[in-house]
Amino acid sequence: MNRTRKEELELIREKINTTIRHSEHYWMIYKKDTFGVSTILDLDYKRSYIEILFFPNQDVLEKAMPILEIYTPIETEVDFNDVLIDPDFDDDGLISPMKIINRIDELIEREFQYHLKILDMEVKLIDQRFENYAIDNIPYFREIILYFPEFSTELKVDLEKYPLKPTFYFSRNLLKIINLETFLDFEELRNWEELNPPHITDIIDHLINYILKLLRLVEYYKKYQILLLKKVSTGQLINNISLKVHRGQSIGILFNTKKEEFIEKANVMKLYNAIAGKEQVFSGTIKFFGKFVQLLSQEDQKRIFVLPKPIEPKISNQKVKDAIKSNIKIKFESSFEDEELRTKIQEAGLSTLIDELITKGYFWKFITFLKKFKKKRDFIKKILQLTGLTFKENQKVKDLEPIDFLLFSIARALIQSADIIMFSMQEEIFNRLQYKEFKNALDNIKKEFHVIFLVEGPEEFVENCDKVITITDKKTEVGIVDELTCQVPQEGEIIKIELNYPTEETLKTLFNLDSVIIIEERRNEKYKIFPKKDATQVIKKIVHLFGSELINFEIVKCNLRDYIEYLKLI
């Protein structure tokens, strides 16, 4: 059919109108004397845009124009060549905007899901080794803290374009040790291979080795933020635990056994004391920040706390604001302005003449004294604030509720520069709201004071910890909640059903199904089902079996409690 360019252009416009009615996030544009579509892409961690122009056949024949053009900054990350080389047409012989847009949407989704998996793996590797946080809630822009004896430093990594070379930003303290140009001249950065890039953790390892050598530090300081347990057993319940946790993380311990509660508490206290270097009867390996726990000095042991500790009657009768620091030598650290780092830099011969003249002058010493005085005051104030004791500072310690006394004990540990804090939670002293408030307080404390928490408690609290230790009569498991629940068949999917007066015969048939494990939550009414095969196929069987007796069903992801119930059944 012979059509003029104007007629072809009008047909393309009509096709685009139809397309954008079915795809609400696109709108029509007009460029290069033809019609197209444009949209803003929300790629989870950043926003981008894309423009697609569709050309009439007449332009292709007479002006040698392409039938399709795509404009977007994400061309370097998503390969549109298949669409450009082999575009889709409708029966009228003109390009098909709807088919093209559908292909591009699928391609972007597939490519970016793959890309995000790569980025997520890099973040996971970082999180296994280093305390780190997302900056401005951007998951692939991370602040990473590096710890050394008596000082710490930080760097920021923007890896959203990985496997392209990431962007690094150094803190002021890190720049005193190594300048950014020297770092970027590391071989793996200078000769970056996009097709086979190094992991971010490998680059950070290189940086740590450089700092250790430059400041003449001992090799085991590479692990100066890691608590390592390897095949540790401390009693009849706690067996063969292997765990790696870094500063700023919490470990929840959940017992679900037939043993008496006092036996569970005794077992967890043995574990805590073994980590603190006070319990010698255990098997396996425990390393505290690179040192074997048997070799910890008294100073090391003073930074590991098992709570609550007994307090003197004198402190019990004091107000919180006084008792919190009573009989304690206050220790506080500034992560990025440490005199210890300055000393290390001077010993390594890296300080400038001006730095040495300033730091040795009386004026500098006076300024340092004032800064320490102010920091001490602000330090106590911040601890009271983070532990929620600010509005109870005039209350006597003996009058505190159990939850507030636990927070008071944590506050005293923080004042003594705690590295690890371990305790058990009594379920009866918390309500649901207090669980949430307590969890938020611990999260803020972890981030501000870079502490490791080990907490034995109920499922409501433990499931929100960074890592979980579950202890049953059959076995002990360690991992994050998602990893543990994925051990349930079908990657943790469970089916919940509600029935309306089912017959005994149909219930018997349900329990005889070999493709499920069933828990009766309420007799003849509510059931929880762990499918061994595809959940959708099991649902079809259940619908066919019960018919009108089935009131409701849903497929949900199992939680920590469901996982524990499953362990009891297998």
Protein backbone atom coordinates (compact mmCIF):
# COMPACT_ATOMS: atom_id res chain seq x y z
CA MET A 1 0.00 0.00 0.00
CA ASN A 2 1.46 3.35 -1.03
CA ARG A 3 1.16 5.94 1.75
CA THR A 4 2.55 9.44 2.04
CA ARG A 5 4.91 10.34 4.88
CA LYS A 6 2.14 12.39 6.46
CA GLU A 7 -0.20 9.40 6.48
CA GLU A 8 2.46 7.12 7.96
CA LEU A 9 3.27 9.70 10.63
CA GLU A 10 -0.39 10.00 11.59
CA LEU A 11 -0.66 6.19 11.91
CA ILE A 12 2.42 6.15 14.16
CA ARG A 13 0.87 8.90 16.29
CA GLU A 14 -2.34 6.90 16.67
CA LYS A 15 -0.36 3.77 17.62
CA ILE A 16 1.52 5.76 20.27
CA ASN A 17 -1.75 7.13 21.66
CA THR A 18 -3.07 3.59 22.03
CA THR A 19 0.19 2.46 23.60
CA ILE A 20 0.41 5.16 26.26
CA ARG A 21 -3.21 4.52 27.26
CA HIS A 22 -2.14 0.96 28.13
CA SER A 23 1.17 2.05 29.67
CA GLU A 24 0.45 4.97 31.98
CA HIS A 25 4.07 5.89 32.77
CA TYR A 26 4.92 6.88 29.16
CA TRP A 27 4.00 10.12 27.40
CA MET A 28 4.22 11.27 23.78
CA ILE A 29 7.06 13.47 22.50
CA TYR A 30 7.83 15.06 19.14
CA LYS A 31 11.46 15.28 17.99
CA LYS A 32 13.34 15.17 14.70
CA ASP A 33 10.10 15.71 12.83
CA THR A 34 8.56 12.48 14.15
CA PHE A 35 6.69 11.10 17.16
CA GLY A 36 8.03 9.04 20.05
CA VAL A 37 7.59 8.28 23.73
CA SER A 38 9.49 9.19 26.87
CA THR A 39 9.43 8.12 30.50
CA ILE A 40 11.25 8.50 33.81
CA LEU A 41 12.68 5.21 35.04
CA ASP A 42 12.77 4.49 38.76
CA LEU A 43 15.69 2.09 39.14
CA ASP A 44 15.43 1.69 42.95
CA TYR A 45 18.71 3.40 43.75
CA LYS A 46 18.54 6.20 41.15
CA ARG A 47 16.22 7.78 38.59
CA SER A 48 16.91 7.96 34.88
CA TYR A 49 15.00 8.63 31.67
CA ILE A 50 14.52 7.14 28.21
CA GLU A 51 13.29 8.56 24.90
CA ILE A 52 12.25 6.37 21.95
CA LEU A 53 11.61 7.83 18.48
CA PHE A 54 9.69 5.95 15.75
CA PHE A 55 10.30 6.95 12.11
CA PRO A 56 8.01 6.46 9.09
CA ASN A 57 9.11 4.03 6.38
CA GLN A 58 9.38 6.97 3.98
CA ASP A 59 12.17 8.48 6.09
CA VAL A 60 14.05 5.20 6.02
CA LEU A 61 13.82 4.95 2.23
CA GLU A 62 14.34 8.59 1.29
CA LYS A 63 16.55 10.00 4.10
CA ALA A 64 18.36 6.84 5.22
CA MET A 65 17.00 7.38 8.73
CA PRO A 66 16.86 4.45 11.17
CA ILE A 67 13.40 3.06 11.84
CA LEU A 68 14.00 3.44 15.59
CA GLU A 69 16.21 5.57 17.87
CA ILE A 70 16.72 5.27 21.64
CA TYR A 71 18.17 8.04 23.80
CA THR A 72 19.04 7.34 27.46
CA PRO A 73 22.00 7.56 29.88
CA ILE A 74 21.53 3.85 30.70
CA GLU A 75 22.74 2.72 27.27
CA THR A 76 26.06 1.84 28.90
CA GLU A 77 24.26 -0.50 31.31
CA VAL A 78 21.46 -1.96 29.17
CA ASP A 79 22.15 -3.31 25.67
CA PHE A 80 19.39 -2.20 23.29
CA ASN A 81 21.10 -3.56 20.17
CA ASP A 82 18.68 -6.47 19.76
CA VAL A 83 15.75 -4.06 19.61
CA LEU A 84 17.54 -1.63 17.30
CA ILE A 85 18.74 -4.31 14.90
CA ASP A 86 15.54 -6.36 14.84
CA PRO A 87 12.61 -4.02 15.62
CA ASP A 88 8.98 -5.15 15.73
CA PHE A 89 6.40 -4.26 13.05
CA ASP A 90 2.61 -4.43 12.87
CA ASP A 91 0.59 -5.98 10.07
CA ASP A 92 0.35 -2.58 8.33
CA GLY A 93 4.12 -2.64 7.72
CA LEU A 94 4.88 0.21 10.15
CA ILE A 95 6.92 -0.04 13.32
CA SER A 96 4.96 -1.17 16.40
CA PRO A 97 5.41 1.20 19.39
CA MET A 98 3.56 -1.17 21.76
CA LYS A 99 5.72 -4.19 20.92
CA ILE A 100 8.91 -2.10 21.08
CA ILE A 101 8.02 -0.61 24.48
CA ASN A 102 7.12 -4.03 25.90
CA ARG A 103 10.46 -5.45 24.74
CA ILE A 104 12.39 -2.50 26.15
CA ASP A 105 10.57 -2.71 29.50
CA GLU A 106 11.37 -6.42 29.79
CA LEU A 107 14.98 -5.82 28.80
CA ILE A 108 15.45 -3.02 31.35
CA GLU A 109 13.83 -5.08 34.11
CA ARG A 110 15.89 -8.18 33.32
CA GLU A 111 19.18 -6.32 32.94
CA PHE A 112 18.73 -4.25 36.07
CA GLN A 113 17.64 -7.16 38.21
CA TYR A 114 20.83 -8.91 37.14
CA HIS A 115 22.81 -5.73 37.77
CA LEU A 116 21.24 -5.29 41.22
CA LYS A 117 22.12 -8.88 42.13
CA ILE A 118 25.77 -8.09 41.40
CA LEU A 119 25.58 -4.93 43.51
CA ASP A 120 23.75 -6.75 46.31
CA MET A 121 26.49 -9.37 46.38
CA GLU A 122 29.14 -6.65 46.75
CA VAL A 123 27.20 -5.09 49.63
CA LYS A 124 26.80 -8.53 51.23
CA LEU A 125 30.56 -9.15 51.01
CA ILE A 126 31.23 -5.75 52.57
CA ASP A 127 28.71 -6.43 55.33
CA GLN A 128 30.35 -9.75 56.17
CA ARG A 129 33.64 -8.01 56.95
CA PHE A 130 33.15 -4.37 57.88
CA GLU A 131 30.83 -2.10 59.79
CA ASN A 132 29.10 -0.09 57.09
CA TYR A 133 26.00 1.98 56.45
CA ALA A 134 24.03 3.21 53.47
CA ILE A 135 24.47 6.95 52.84
CA ASP A 136 21.24 8.93 52.38
CA ASN A 137 19.35 5.61 52.15
CA ILE A 138 21.14 4.81 48.86
CA PRO A 139 21.95 1.08 49.19
CA TYR A 140 24.96 1.18 46.86
CA PHE A 141 26.62 4.25 48.35
CA ARG A 142 28.28 2.93 51.51
CA GLU A 143 30.21 4.42 54.40
CA ILE A 144 32.76 1.83 55.59
CA ILE A 145 34.55 2.11 58.93
CA LEU A 146 38.03 0.62 59.34
CA TYR A 147 39.22 -0.16 62.87
CA PHE A 148 42.73 -0.28 64.27
CA PRO A 149 43.95 -0.30 67.87
CA GLU A 150 43.03 3.03 69.50
CA PHE A 151 41.79 4.71 66.32
CA SER A 152 39.44 4.23 63.42
CA THR A 153 38.93 5.84 60.06
CA GLU A 154 36.39 5.74 57.27
CA LEU A 155 35.90 5.86 53.54
CA LYS A 156 32.85 6.13 51.32
CA VAL A 157 32.31 4.01 48.22
CA ASP A 158 29.82 4.75 45.46
CA LEU A 159 29.47 1.44 43.63
CA GLU A 160 26.17 1.92 41.79
CA LYS A 161 27.97 1.72 38.42
CA TYR A 162 29.89 -1.43 39.34
CA PRO A 163 31.36 -3.38 37.47
CA LEU A 164 32.57 0.02 36.21
CA LYS A 165 35.17 1.53 38.53
CA PRO A 166 33.53 2.77 41.75
CA THR A 167 34.13 6.23 43.20
CA PHE A 168 35.96 6.51 46.53
CA TYR A 169 35.89 9.31 49.08
CA PHE A 170 38.36 9.46 52.00
CA SER A 171 37.72 10.92 55.44
CA ARG A 172 40.02 13.63 56.78
CA ASN A 173 41.78 11.14 59.04
CA LEU A 174 42.36 8.64 56.26
CA LEU A 175 43.84 11.38 54.08
CA LYS A 176 46.43 11.98 56.83
CA ILE A 177 47.65 8.42 56.31
CA ILE A 178 47.33 8.00 52.54
CA ASN A 179 46.29 10.48 49.86
CA LEU A 180 43.64 9.56 47.35
CA GLU A 181 46.05 9.70 44.39
CA THR A 182 48.27 7.03 45.96
CA PHE A 183 45.25 4.85 46.63
CA LEU A 184 43.93 5.21 43.07
CA ASP A 185 47.36 4.13 41.83
CA PHE A 186 46.89 0.68 43.38
CA GLU A 187 47.30 -1.82 40.55
CA GLU A 188 43.74 -3.15 40.62
CA LEU A 189 42.37 0.39 40.39
CA ARG A 190 44.87 1.68 37.87
CA ASN A 191 44.26 -1.30 35.57
CA TRP A 192 40.56 -1.74 36.24
CA GLU A 193 39.00 -4.66 34.35
CA GLU A 194 35.30 -4.14 33.75
CA LEU A 195 34.81 -7.73 32.57
CA ASN A 196 36.59 -9.15 35.61
CA PRO A 197 36.52 -6.47 38.32
CA PRO A 198 37.94 -7.05 41.80
CA HIS A 199 35.54 -7.16 44.72
CA ILE A 200 35.30 -3.98 46.80
CA THR A 201 36.44 -5.99 49.84
CA ASP A 202 39.65 -6.97 47.99
CA ILE A 203 40.43 -3.30 47.40
CA ILE A 204 39.76 -2.47 51.04
CA ASP A 205 42.00 -5.37 52.11
CA HIS A 206 44.80 -3.87 50.00
CA LEU A 207 44.20 -0.51 51.69
CA ILE A 208 44.30 -2.07 55.18
CA ASN A 209 47.55 -3.90 54.38
CA TYR A 210 49.04 -0.61 53.16
CA ILE A 211 48.05 1.15 56.40
CA LEU A 212 49.39 -1.70 58.58
CA LYS A 213 52.73 -1.55 56.81
CA LEU A 214 52.90 2.24 56.78
CA LEU A 215 52.08 2.62 60.49
CA ARG A 216 54.07 -0.51 61.47
CA LEU A 217 51.09 -2.29 63.01
CA VAL A 218 50.74 -6.00 63.79
CA GLU A 219 49.11 -8.25 61.16
CA TYR A 220 46.25 -9.49 63.37
CA TYR A 221 44.92 -5.92 63.48
CA LYS A 222 43.34 -6.71 60.09
CA LYS A 223 40.59 -8.40 62.10
CA TYR A 224 40.22 -5.59 64.62
CA GLN A 225 36.45 -5.39 64.30
CA ILE A 226 35.58 -9.09 64.00
CA LEU A 227 34.28 -11.43 66.70
CA LEU A 228 34.85 -14.96 65.42
CA LEU A 229 33.40 -18.18 66.82
CA LYS A 230 34.41 -21.42 65.11
CA LYS A 231 32.81 -24.73 66.14
CA VAL A 232 32.29 -23.48 69.70
CA SER A 233 30.56 -25.72 72.25
CA THR A 234 29.95 -24.63 75.85
CA GLY A 235 27.37 -27.05 77.20
CA GLN A 236 24.67 -29.59 76.52
CA LEU A 237 22.60 -27.15 74.41
CA ILE A 238 25.15 -24.90 72.74
CA ASN A 239 27.08 -27.07 70.32
CA ASN A 240 29.24 -26.42 67.29
CA ILE A 241 28.43 -22.73 66.79
CA SER A 242 30.34 -20.96 64.01
CA LEU A 243 29.79 -17.24 63.65
CA LYS A 244 31.48 -14.13 62.31
CA VAL A 245 30.15 -10.74 63.41
CA HIS A 246 31.59 -7.23 63.19
CA ARG A 247 31.11 -4.01 65.13
CA GLY A 248 27.71 -2.45 64.76
CA GLN A 249 25.86 -5.78 64.50
CA SER A 250 23.47 -7.58 66.85
CA ILE A 251 23.18 -11.33 67.37
CA GLY A 252 19.91 -12.73 68.67
CA ILE A 253 19.86 -16.09 70.45
CA LEU A 254 16.57 -17.98 70.47
CA PHE A 255 16.06 -21.13 72.58
CA ASN A 256 13.24 -23.52 71.74
CA THR A 257 13.88 -26.64 73.78
CA LYS A 258 12.15 -28.88 76.29
CA LYS A 259 14.78 -28.01 78.90
CA GLU A 260 13.95 -25.93 81.95
CA GLU A 261 14.51 -22.18 81.52
CA PHE A 262 17.29 -22.08 84.14
CA ILE A 263 19.23 -24.65 82.06
CA GLU A 264 18.89 -22.44 78.98
CA LYS A 265 20.08 -19.38 80.95
CA ALA A 266 23.01 -21.34 82.39
CA ASN A 267 24.03 -22.45 78.90
CA VAL A 268 23.89 -18.96 77.44
CA MET A 269 25.86 -17.56 80.39
CA LYS A 270 28.58 -20.14 79.72
CA LEU A 271 28.73 -18.91 76.13
CA TYR A 272 28.87 -15.26 77.22
CA ASN A 273 31.63 -15.96 79.75
CA ALA A 274 33.61 -17.93 77.17
CA ILE A 275 33.48 -14.93 74.80
CA ALA A 276 34.47 -12.62 77.66
CA GLY A 277 37.51 -14.78 78.44
CA LYS A 278 36.16 -15.82 81.85
CA GLU A 279 35.09 -19.38 81.00
CA GLN A 280 37.92 -21.74 80.16
CA VAL A 281 35.82 -24.90 79.75
CA PHE A 282 34.75 -24.78 76.11
CA SER A 283 35.80 -26.32 72.82
CA GLY A 284 36.41 -24.59 69.52
CA THR A 285 37.96 -21.24 68.65
CA ILE A 286 36.96 -17.77 69.83
CA LYS A 287 38.78 -14.71 68.54
CA PHE A 288 38.10 -11.21 69.82
CA PHE A 289 39.26 -8.59 67.30
CA GLY A 290 42.00 -10.85 65.97
CA LYS A 291 43.19 -12.22 69.33
CA PHE A 292 42.51 -15.68 70.70
CA VAL A 293 40.22 -15.17 73.68
CA GLN A 294 42.66 -17.06 75.93
CA LEU A 295 45.26 -14.36 75.24
CA LEU A 296 43.09 -11.34 76.05
CA SER A 297 44.68 -8.80 78.33
CA GLN A 298 42.84 -7.36 81.34
CA GLU A 299 42.28 -4.20 79.33
CA ASP A 300 40.64 -6.23 76.54
CA GLN A 301 38.42 -8.05 79.02
CA LYS A 302 37.28 -4.76 80.54
CA ARG A 303 35.65 -3.86 77.21
CA ILE A 304 33.48 -7.00 77.13
CA PHE A 305 30.36 -6.82 79.28
CA VAL A 306 27.96 -9.51 80.47
CA LEU A 307 24.89 -7.76 81.89
CA PRO A 308 23.40 -7.05 84.28
CA LYS A 309 26.29 -6.59 86.66
CA PRO A 310 25.56 -6.26 90.41
CA ILE A 311 25.69 -2.69 91.66
CA GLU A 312 26.55 -1.35 95.11
CA PRO A 313 23.75 -0.16 97.45
CA LYS A 314 25.30 3.31 97.29
CA ILE A 315 24.75 3.45 93.49
CA SER A 316 21.26 1.99 93.82
CA ASN A 317 20.23 4.96 95.97
CA GLN A 318 21.66 7.55 93.58
CA LYS A 319 19.85 9.41 90.83
CA VAL A 320 20.36 7.99 87.35
CA LYS A 321 22.36 11.02 86.12
CA ASP A 322 24.88 10.51 88.97
CA ALA A 323 24.80 6.71 89.19
CA ILE A 324 25.47 6.26 85.48
CA LYS A 325 29.08 7.41 85.98
CA SER A 326 29.58 6.48 89.64
CA ASN A 327 32.84 4.61 90.38
CA ILE A 328 33.71 4.64 86.68
CA LYS A 329 36.64 6.15 84.88
CA ILE A 330 34.93 7.68 81.87
CA LYS A 331 36.42 6.58 78.56
CA PHE A 332 35.32 8.07 75.29
CA GLU A 333 36.77 7.97 71.83
CA SER A 334 36.50 10.27 68.86
CA SER A 335 36.63 8.08 65.77
CA PHE A 336 38.07 10.74 63.52
CA GLU A 337 40.14 13.07 65.75
CA ASP A 338 42.24 10.74 67.88
CA GLU A 339 45.47 11.70 69.51
CA GLU A 340 46.48 8.05 69.14
CA LEU A 341 46.28 8.33 65.36
CA ARG A 342 48.29 11.52 65.46
CA THR A 343 50.94 9.71 67.50
CA LYS A 344 51.01 6.77 65.05
CA ILE A 345 51.41 9.19 62.14
CA GLN A 346 54.27 10.97 63.90
CA GLU A 347 55.99 7.67 64.73
CA ALA A 348 55.73 6.65 61.09
CA GLY A 349 57.29 9.96 60.01
CA LEU A 350 54.18 11.03 58.08
CA SER A 351 53.39 14.25 59.97
CA THR A 352 54.43 17.65 58.68
CA LEU A 353 56.62 20.14 60.56
CA ILE A 354 53.64 22.46 61.00
CA ASP A 355 51.61 19.61 62.53
CA GLU A 356 54.33 18.88 65.06
CA LEU A 357 54.81 22.54 66.02
CA ILE A 358 51.07 23.00 66.51
CA THR A 359 50.54 19.86 68.57
CA LYS A 360 53.49 20.63 70.87
CA GLY A 361 52.42 24.22 71.55
CA TYR A 362 50.72 25.32 74.77
CA PHE A 363 47.83 26.84 72.85
CA TRP A 364 47.07 23.50 71.21
CA LYS A 365 47.22 21.73 74.59
CA PHE A 366 44.78 24.26 76.04
CA ILE A 367 42.41 23.80 73.10
CA THR A 368 42.68 20.01 73.49
CA PHE A 369 41.77 20.31 77.20
CA LEU A 370 38.68 22.38 76.39
CA LYS A 371 37.62 19.96 73.66
CA LYS A 372 37.95 16.99 76.01
CA PHE A 373 35.88 18.75 78.68
CA LYS A 374 33.11 19.51 76.20
CA LYS A 375 33.23 16.00 74.73
CA LYS A 376 32.91 14.45 78.18
CA ARG A 377 29.77 16.46 78.88
CA ASP A 378 28.27 15.74 75.46
CA PHE A 379 29.25 12.07 75.78
CA ILE A 380 27.13 11.53 78.92
CA LYS A 381 24.27 13.51 77.42
CA LYS A 382 24.24 11.40 74.27
CA ILE A 383 24.29 8.12 76.21
CA LEU A 384 21.30 9.23 78.29
CA GLN A 385 19.51 10.24 75.12
CA LEU A 386 20.17 7.01 73.17
CA THR A 387 19.22 4.77 76.08
CA GLY A 388 15.98 6.71 76.66
CA LEU A 389 17.01 7.71 80.19
CA THR A 390 17.05 11.48 79.61
CA PHE A 391 13.61 11.95 81.18
CA LYS A 392 14.44 9.60 84.05
CA GLU A 393 17.80 11.08 85.00
CA ASN A 394 16.44 12.39 88.32
CA GLN A 395 14.86 9.05 89.24
CA LYS A 396 16.68 6.81 91.71
CA VAL A 397 18.20 3.64 90.25
CA LYS A 398 16.36 1.40 92.74
CA ASP A 399 13.04 2.77 91.46
CA LEU A 400 13.70 1.97 87.79
CA GLU A 401 11.51 -0.56 86.03
CA PRO A 402 13.34 -3.73 84.86
CA ILE A 403 13.55 -2.54 81.22
CA ASP A 404 14.98 0.83 82.32
CA PHE A 405 17.47 -0.86 84.64
CA LEU A 406 18.69 -2.94 81.68
CA LEU A 407 19.14 0.27 79.65
CA PHE A 408 20.90 1.83 82.66
CA SER A 409 23.31 -1.14 82.72
CA ILE A 410 23.96 -0.72 78.99
CA ALA A 411 24.62 2.99 79.55
CA ARG A 412 27.26 2.25 82.21
CA ALA A 413 28.92 -0.22 79.83
CA LEU A 414 29.00 2.39 77.06
CA ILE A 415 30.67 4.90 79.39
CA GLN A 416 33.46 2.34 79.83
CA SER A 417 33.93 2.07 76.03
CA ALA A 418 32.29 -1.34 75.66
CA ASP A 419 33.14 -3.32 72.52
CA ILE A 420 30.75 -6.22 73.19
CA ILE A 421 27.61 -6.20 75.35
CA MET A 422 25.84 -9.49 76.14
CA PHE A 423 22.64 -10.08 78.12
CA SER A 424 19.41 -12.09 78.36
CA MET A 425 15.97 -10.51 78.05
CA GLN A 426 13.17 -11.52 80.36
CA GLU A 427 10.10 -11.86 78.16
CA GLU A 428 7.69 -10.80 80.89
CA ILE A 429 9.25 -7.32 81.33
CA PHE A 430 8.45 -6.22 77.77
CA ASN A 431 5.22 -5.50 75.95
CA ARG A 432 5.01 -5.31 72.14
CA LEU A 433 5.55 -1.53 72.03
CA GLN A 434 8.54 -1.76 74.38
CA TYR A 435 10.12 -4.41 72.13
CA LYS A 436 10.02 -1.93 69.25
CA GLU A 437 11.37 0.95 71.37
CA PHE A 438 14.13 -1.24 72.81
CA LYS A 439 15.13 -2.48 69.35
CA ASN A 440 15.29 1.12 68.04
CA ALA A 441 17.44 2.12 71.03
CA LEU A 442 19.88 -0.75 70.37
CA ASP A 443 20.03 0.08 66.64
CA ASN A 444 20.95 3.69 67.44
CA ILE A 445 23.53 2.61 70.02
CA LYS A 446 25.13 0.15 67.56
CA LYS A 447 25.56 2.87 64.97
CA GLU A 448 26.74 5.58 67.35
CA PHE A 449 29.07 3.52 69.56
CA HIS A 450 29.99 0.68 67.15
CA VAL A 451 29.14 -2.03 69.68
CA ILE A 452 28.46 -5.74 69.12
CA PHE A 453 25.35 -6.97 70.95
CA LEU A 454 24.63 -10.62 71.81
CA VAL A 455 21.09 -10.91 73.13
CA GLU A 456 19.21 -14.03 74.24
CA GLY A 457 15.51 -13.29 74.07
CA PRO A 458 12.07 -14.06 72.66
CA GLU A 459 11.29 -14.45 68.98
CA GLU A 460 9.70 -10.97 68.69
CA PHE A 461 13.07 -9.39 69.43
CA VAL A 462 15.46 -11.95 67.98
CA GLU A 463 13.92 -11.92 64.49
CA ASN A 464 14.95 -8.26 64.10
CA CYS A 465 18.63 -8.87 64.89
CA ASP A 466 21.31 -8.79 62.19
CA LYS A 467 22.08 -12.48 62.73
CA VAL A 468 20.29 -15.22 64.61
CA ILE A 469 21.32 -18.31 66.56
CA THR A 470 18.44 -20.78 66.95
CA ILE A 471 18.91 -23.56 69.50
CA THR A 472 16.54 -26.53 69.61
CA ASP A 473 16.81 -30.00 71.07
CA LYS A 474 17.78 -31.33 67.63
CA LYS A 475 20.33 -28.81 66.35
CA THR A 476 21.78 -25.31 66.40
CA GLU A 477 21.57 -23.01 63.36
CA VAL A 478 23.25 -19.67 62.66
CA GLY A 479 22.41 -17.12 59.97
CA ILE A 480 20.22 -14.18 59.04
CA VAL A 481 16.47 -14.72 59.27
CA ASP A 482 15.99 -14.88 55.48
CA GLU A 483 18.70 -17.55 55.17
CA LEU A 484 17.19 -19.67 57.93
CA THR A 485 13.59 -19.46 56.70
CA CYS A 486 14.72 -20.39 53.18
CA GLN A 487 15.67 -23.80 54.59
CA VAL A 488 11.95 -24.50 54.81
CA PRO A 489 10.83 -26.25 51.57
CA GLN A 490 9.78 -24.03 48.66
CA GLU A 491 12.16 -21.28 49.88
CA GLY A 492 10.13 -20.60 53.00
CA GLU A 493 6.64 -20.43 51.48
CA ILE A 494 3.82 -21.64 53.72
CA ILE A 495 0.06 -21.90 53.19
CA LYS A 496 -2.50 -20.78 55.75
CA ILE A 497 -6.08 -22.00 55.37
CA GLU A 498 -9.35 -21.42 57.23
CA LEU A 499 -12.12 -24.02 57.07
CA ASN A 500 -15.83 -23.99 57.80
CA TYR A 501 -17.00 -27.19 59.53
CA PRO A 502 -14.98 -29.63 57.40
CA THR A 503 -15.93 -33.29 57.50
CA GLU A 504 -13.66 -35.77 59.27
CA GLU A 505 -13.17 -37.55 55.97
CA THR A 506 -11.80 -34.50 54.15
CA LEU A 507 -9.55 -33.62 57.10
CA LYS A 508 -8.20 -37.15 57.11
CA THR A 509 -7.50 -36.85 53.38
CA LEU A 510 -5.67 -33.54 54.00
CA PHE A 511 -3.41 -35.07 56.66
CA ASN A 512 -2.67 -38.02 54.40
CA LEU A 513 -1.28 -35.83 51.62
CA ASP A 514 2.37 -36.77 51.18
CA SER A 515 3.28 -33.37 49.68
CA VAL A 516 2.69 -31.33 52.87
CA ILE A 517 3.51 -31.02 56.57
CA ILE A 518 0.54 -29.70 58.58
CA ILE A 519 0.17 -27.83 61.88
CA GLU A 520 -3.31 -27.48 63.40
CA GLU A 521 -3.55 -23.97 64.86
CA ARG A 522 -7.24 -24.14 65.81
CA ARG A 523 -9.06 -27.45 65.69
CA ASN A 524 -11.24 -27.91 62.58
CA GLU A 525 -10.72 -24.25 61.62
CA LYS A 526 -7.17 -22.97 61.05
CA TYR A 527 -4.22 -24.89 59.64
CA LYS A 528 -0.66 -24.00 58.69
CA ILE A 529 0.77 -26.04 55.82
CA PHE A 530 4.42 -26.47 54.81
CA PRO A 531 4.30 -27.57 51.15
CA LYS A 532 7.05 -29.92 49.96
CA LYS A 533 6.15 -29.16 46.35
CA ASP A 534 5.02 -26.04 44.47
CA ALA A 535 2.60 -24.15 46.74
CA THR A 536 0.25 -23.29 43.86
CA GLN A 537 -0.23 -26.96 43.01
CA VAL A 538 -0.93 -27.75 46.67
CA ILE A 539 -3.52 -24.96 46.79
CA LYS A 540 -5.29 -26.49 43.77
CA LYS A 541 -5.49 -29.83 45.59
CA ILE A 542 -6.86 -28.16 48.73
CA VAL A 543 -9.50 -26.20 46.79
CA HIS A 544 -10.56 -29.38 45.01
CA LEU A 545 -10.63 -31.30 48.29
CA PHE A 546 -12.60 -28.87 50.48
CA GLY A 547 -14.68 -26.92 47.97
CA SER A 548 -17.20 -24.75 49.88
CA GLU A 549 -15.69 -25.83 53.21
CA LEU A 550 -12.64 -23.64 52.41
CA ILE A 551 -13.26 -20.09 53.69
CA ASN A 552 -9.89 -18.53 52.99
CA PHE A 553 -6.30 -19.36 52.03
CA GLU A 554 -3.08 -17.41 51.57
CA ILE A 555 0.54 -18.11 50.64
CA VAL A 556 2.98 -16.23 52.88
CA LYS A 557 6.69 -16.14 53.62
CA CYS A 558 7.44 -17.95 56.86
CA ASN A 559 8.91 -16.05 59.81
CA LEU A 560 11.33 -17.17 62.49
CA ARG A 561 8.58 -18.73 64.61
CA ASP A 562 7.33 -20.75 61.63
CA TYR A 563 10.90 -21.91 61.00
CA ILE A 564 11.23 -23.13 64.60
CA GLU A 565 7.91 -24.98 64.33
CA TYR A 566 9.13 -26.63 61.14
CA LEU A 567 12.34 -27.80 62.84
CA LYS A 568 10.26 -29.55 65.48
CA LEU A 569 8.33 -31.47 62.84
CA ILE A 570 11.16 -32.83 60.72
